[in-house]
């Protein structure tokens, strides 16, 4: 959820505030989720990460964090994290926001530049977006393993944006060979017409001779373990997935 995003009111004359926007989603989920599940489709709901741009002022950042906390208190089952968006080397590094970030548990997009990786881990993040530089630092990979910090890899995005020339040069196989928890993510699928996940999983599979179907199963298991779902929901999702995997194989 980008702090700059707004939805018009029903009459089109006003904009909903952030709480109003999240309430719209909560209402839709409350009405639609039981119907979807009753139809036999697999859908467990939605979580939102509140995001703001990393080049805003400190005062604006404090406002964003305060708003995020208010939304978390009002919608505890929907809001699951806080993120800084934007090109990392063109905005402020994480160290610039340390006084603000220490006031809350941060879910950081911190992997495109080296220094942000160190700061994200020191700040206690649970997931790192992209994490593209982490393979250069064995110590950081070890810390991610010990602290169970997931690396959100984005194969198609990294190729499209020029971080790697092809998916065969992506760092996912290196992370997997070092047993670093990873998830496969789509980043901005709407920008290049990709599906939410299918295309990225396919690219990951085709990009490495060492990544097999069982390897994708491990990544899928990590996706459940590293999610923001409650323990009870994770167990339910895992049981459902186990049954579908058995049929698939």
Protein backbone atom coordinates (compact mmCIF):
# COMPACT_ATOMS: atom_id res chain seq x y z
CA UNK A 1 0.00 0.00 0.00
CA UNK A 2 1.65 3.23 -1.18
CA UNK A 3 1.02 6.22 1.08
CA UNK A 4 0.47 8.38 -2.02
CA UNK A 5 -2.36 6.19 -3.35
CA UNK A 6 -5.95 7.37 -2.86
CA UNK A 7 -9.40 6.20 -3.91
CA UNK A 8 -12.23 8.60 -4.67
CA UNK A 9 -15.38 8.52 -2.58
CA UNK A 10 -18.60 7.15 -4.01
CA UNK A 11 -19.74 10.56 -5.28
CA UNK A 12 -16.31 11.28 -6.80
CA UNK A 13 -15.95 14.59 -4.96
CA UNK A 14 -13.57 13.53 -2.20
CA UNK A 15 -10.72 11.11 -1.57
CA UNK A 16 -10.79 8.42 1.09
CA UNK A 17 -8.07 8.71 3.69
CA UNK A 18 -5.83 5.70 4.25
CA UNK A 19 -8.12 4.20 6.86
CA UNK A 20 -11.05 4.57 4.48
CA UNK A 21 -9.11 2.89 1.69
CA UNK A 22 -8.15 -0.08 3.88
CA UNK A 23 -11.73 -0.29 5.13
CA UNK A 24 -12.91 -0.69 1.53
CA UNK A 25 -10.57 -3.66 1.12
CA UNK A 26 -11.66 -5.12 4.46
CA UNK A 27 -15.30 -4.88 3.40
CA UNK A 28 -14.62 -6.55 0.04
CA UNK A 29 -12.66 -9.36 1.70
CA UNK A 30 -15.29 -9.84 4.37
CA UNK A 31 -17.94 -10.25 1.71
CA UNK A 32 -15.95 -12.08 -0.95
CA UNK A 33 -13.58 -14.40 0.92
CA UNK A 34 -16.27 -16.83 2.19
CA UNK A 35 -17.81 -17.00 -1.29
CA UNK A 36 -14.46 -17.72 -2.93
CA UNK A 37 -13.61 -20.44 -0.42
CA UNK A 38 -17.10 -21.95 -0.69
CA UNK A 39 -16.62 -22.26 -4.45
CA UNK A 40 -13.62 -24.52 -3.87
CA UNK A 41 -10.95 -22.06 -4.96
CA UNK A 42 -7.78 -21.68 -2.90
CA UNK A 43 -7.59 -18.19 -1.43
CA UNK A 44 -6.59 -17.32 2.13
CA UNK A 45 -6.88 -13.54 2.10
CA UNK A 46 -4.64 -10.51 1.64
CA UNK A 47 -2.02 -8.70 3.71
CA UNK A 48 -0.87 -5.11 3.18
CA UNK A 49 2.60 -3.65 3.57
CA UNK A 50 2.39 0.10 4.16
CA UNK A 51 4.98 1.80 1.97
CA UNK A 52 6.42 5.28 1.60
CA UNK A 53 9.19 6.73 -0.55
CA UNK A 54 12.73 6.81 0.78
CA UNK A 55 13.44 10.37 -0.37
CA UNK A 56 10.75 12.12 1.72
CA UNK A 57 11.54 14.39 4.69
CA UNK A 58 11.96 13.08 8.21
CA UNK A 59 8.76 14.80 9.31
CA UNK A 60 6.86 13.13 6.51
CA UNK A 61 8.45 9.81 7.43
CA UNK A 62 7.26 10.19 11.03
CA UNK A 63 3.75 10.88 9.73
CA UNK A 64 3.89 7.75 7.56
CA UNK A 65 5.05 5.59 10.46
CA UNK A 66 2.40 7.02 12.78
CA UNK A 67 -0.26 6.37 10.15
CA UNK A 68 1.00 2.82 9.63
CA UNK A 69 0.80 2.09 13.37
CA UNK A 70 -2.73 3.53 13.53
CA UNK A 71 -3.78 1.34 10.61
CA UNK A 72 -2.19 -1.72 12.23
CA UNK A 73 -4.16 -1.06 15.41
CA UNK A 74 -7.40 -0.64 13.48
CA UNK A 75 -6.81 -3.46 10.97
CA UNK A 76 -4.52 -5.95 12.76
CA UNK A 77 -5.32 -8.77 10.34
CA UNK A 78 -4.58 -6.71 7.21
CA UNK A 79 -1.53 -4.52 7.90
CA UNK A 80 1.59 -6.68 8.20
CA UNK A 81 4.61 -4.47 7.55
CA UNK A 82 6.27 -1.16 6.73
CA UNK A 83 8.45 -0.58 3.68
CA UNK A 84 10.60 2.09 2.08
CA UNK A 85 10.20 2.22 -1.68
CA UNK A 86 12.15 3.75 -4.52
CA UNK A 87 15.57 3.40 -6.11
CA UNK A 88 17.92 2.86 -3.20
CA UNK A 89 21.01 4.65 -4.47
CA UNK A 90 18.86 7.65 -5.47
CA UNK A 91 17.23 8.07 -2.05
CA UNK A 92 18.29 8.13 1.57
CA UNK A 93 20.06 5.04 2.97
CA UNK A 94 18.46 3.17 5.85
CA UNK A 95 21.01 4.64 8.26
CA UNK A 96 19.46 8.06 7.65
CA UNK A 97 16.16 6.82 9.10
CA UNK A 98 17.56 4.92 12.11
CA UNK A 99 15.97 7.15 14.81
CA UNK A 100 12.58 6.71 13.16
CA UNK A 101 12.96 3.03 12.28
CA UNK A 102 14.04 2.08 15.81
CA UNK A 103 10.57 3.10 16.97
CA UNK A 104 8.93 0.30 15.05
CA UNK A 105 9.67 -3.14 13.67
CA UNK A 106 10.55 -2.53 10.04
CA UNK A 107 10.03 -4.71 6.99
CA UNK A 108 12.71 -3.25 4.78
CA UNK A 109 13.23 -3.12 1.03
CA UNK A 110 16.98 -3.15 1.47
CA UNK A 111 18.90 -5.29 -0.92
CA UNK A 112 19.86 -3.27 -3.96
CA UNK A 113 22.77 -1.48 -2.26
CA UNK A 114 25.35 -3.08 0.01
CA UNK A 115 25.13 -0.73 3.00
CA UNK A 116 21.36 -1.10 3.25
CA UNK A 117 21.71 -4.87 3.67
CA UNK A 118 23.83 -4.41 6.80
CA UNK A 119 21.48 -1.78 8.23
CA UNK A 120 18.33 -3.78 7.45
CA UNK A 121 19.63 -6.80 9.37
CA UNK A 122 20.85 -4.67 12.28
CA UNK A 123 17.42 -3.01 12.45
CA UNK A 124 15.78 -6.40 12.95
CA UNK A 125 13.99 -6.88 9.66
CA UNK A 126 12.18 -10.18 9.04
CA UNK A 127 12.35 -10.06 5.24
CA UNK A 128 14.61 -8.29 2.74
CA UNK A 129 13.28 -7.20 -0.62
CA UNK A 130 15.49 -8.28 -3.56
CA UNK A 131 18.63 -8.80 -1.47
CA UNK A 132 20.56 -8.73 -4.71
CA UNK A 133 23.91 -7.80 -3.14
CA UNK A 134 23.84 -10.29 -0.30
CA UNK A 135 25.70 -13.09 -2.11
CA UNK A 136 28.86 -10.96 -1.85
CA UNK A 137 28.75 -11.23 1.94
CA UNK A 138 28.89 -14.76 3.42
CA UNK A 139 28.47 -13.31 6.92
CA UNK A 140 25.16 -11.68 5.98
CA UNK A 141 23.92 -14.90 4.39
CA UNK A 142 24.81 -16.75 7.59
CA UNK A 143 22.95 -14.14 9.68
CA UNK A 144 19.88 -14.54 7.48
CA UNK A 145 20.00 -18.29 8.07
CA UNK A 146 20.41 -17.91 11.83
CA UNK A 147 17.75 -15.21 12.20
CA UNK A 148 15.43 -16.79 9.61
CA UNK A 149 15.34 -13.64 7.50
CA UNK A 150 13.77 -14.34 4.12
CA UNK A 151 15.20 -12.91 0.91
CA UNK A 152 12.39 -11.86 -1.44
CA UNK A 153 13.91 -12.69 -4.83
CA UNK A 154 12.34 -11.18 -7.96
CA UNK A 155 13.80 -12.94 -11.04
CA UNK A 156 11.87 -11.15 -13.79
CA UNK A 157 12.14 -7.72 -12.18
CA UNK A 158 15.90 -8.07 -11.71
CA UNK A 159 16.32 -9.02 -15.36
CA UNK A 160 14.02 -6.30 -16.72
CA UNK A 161 15.65 -3.61 -14.59
CA UNK A 162 19.16 -4.70 -15.59
CA UNK A 163 20.40 -6.04 -12.25
CA UNK A 164 21.27 -9.31 -14.00
CA UNK A 165 21.62 -9.90 -17.76
CA UNK A 166 19.47 -13.06 -17.79
CA UNK A 167 17.73 -15.26 -15.26
CA UNK A 168 20.61 -17.73 -15.65
CA UNK A 169 22.82 -15.13 -13.96
CA UNK A 170 20.41 -14.56 -11.08
CA UNK A 171 21.61 -15.08 -7.51
CA UNK A 172 18.73 -17.35 -6.43
CA UNK A 173 20.68 -20.63 -7.02
CA UNK A 174 23.57 -19.29 -4.93
CA UNK A 175 21.23 -18.40 -2.07
CA UNK A 176 19.59 -21.82 -2.25
CA UNK A 177 22.94 -23.63 -2.28
CA UNK A 178 23.78 -21.78 0.95
CA UNK A 179 20.38 -22.67 2.49
CA UNK A 180 19.38 -19.01 2.84
CA UNK A 181 15.57 -18.78 3.20
CA UNK A 182 14.13 -17.39 -0.04
CA UNK A 183 10.78 -16.59 -1.55
CA UNK A 184 9.98 -15.95 -5.21
CA UNK A 185 8.11 -12.72 -5.80
CA UNK A 186 6.76 -10.73 -8.73
CA UNK A 187 7.77 -7.18 -7.68
CA UNK A 188 5.88 -5.11 -10.31
CA UNK A 189 4.10 -7.67 -12.52
CA UNK A 190 1.67 -5.12 -13.93
CA UNK A 191 4.54 -3.14 -15.43
CA UNK A 192 5.62 -5.97 -17.73
CA UNK A 193 2.48 -8.06 -18.05
CA UNK A 194 3.55 -10.95 -15.84
CA UNK A 195 1.28 -13.06 -13.66
CA UNK A 196 1.38 -12.66 -9.91
CA UNK A 197 3.78 -15.60 -9.46
CA UNK A 198 3.63 -18.18 -12.24
CA UNK A 199 6.04 -16.45 -14.61
CA UNK A 200 8.64 -15.80 -11.90
CA UNK A 201 8.56 -19.43 -10.73
CA UNK A 202 8.95 -20.55 -14.35
CA UNK A 203 11.89 -18.20 -14.93
CA UNK A 204 13.57 -19.42 -11.75
CA UNK A 205 13.13 -23.04 -12.84
CA UNK A 206 14.41 -22.42 -16.37
CA UNK A 207 17.26 -20.20 -15.20
CA UNK A 208 19.14 -22.88 -13.28
CA UNK A 209 20.11 -26.44 -14.18
CA UNK A 210 20.32 -27.24 -10.47
CA UNK A 211 16.84 -26.05 -9.45
CA UNK A 212 14.42 -28.95 -9.72
CA UNK A 213 10.75 -29.44 -8.91
CA UNK A 214 11.65 -30.56 -5.34
CA UNK A 215 13.68 -27.37 -5.06
CA UNK A 216 10.60 -25.33 -5.93
CA UNK A 217 8.76 -27.25 -3.21
CA UNK A 218 11.32 -26.07 -0.66
CA UNK A 219 10.83 -22.48 -1.81
CA UNK A 220 7.06 -22.87 -1.57
CA UNK A 221 7.42 -24.23 1.98
CA UNK A 222 9.60 -21.25 2.89
CA UNK A 223 6.95 -18.94 1.46
CA UNK A 224 4.45 -20.32 3.95
CA UNK A 225 6.89 -20.32 6.87
CA UNK A 226 8.04 -16.74 6.20
CA UNK A 227 4.57 -15.32 5.62
CA UNK A 228 2.70 -12.98 7.97
CA UNK A 229 -0.08 -15.50 8.51
CA UNK A 230 -0.86 -16.68 12.02
CA UNK A 231 0.54 -20.04 13.13
CA UNK A 232 -2.88 -21.65 12.85
CA UNK A 233 -3.38 -20.31 9.33
CA UNK A 234 0.11 -21.42 8.30
CA UNK A 235 -0.69 -24.96 9.45
CA UNK A 236 -3.95 -24.94 7.50
CA UNK A 237 -2.28 -23.60 4.35
CA UNK A 238 0.51 -26.15 4.66
CA UNK A 239 -1.96 -29.03 4.99
CA UNK A 240 -3.92 -27.84 1.96
CA UNK A 241 -0.73 -27.36 -0.03
CA UNK A 242 0.57 -30.79 0.96
CA UNK A 243 -2.58 -32.38 -0.42
CA UNK A 244 -2.40 -30.46 -3.69
CA UNK A 245 1.32 -31.24 -4.03
CA UNK A 246 0.61 -34.95 -3.60
CA UNK A 247 -1.94 -34.79 -6.43
CA UNK A 248 0.48 -32.76 -8.59
CA UNK A 249 3.29 -35.28 -8.18
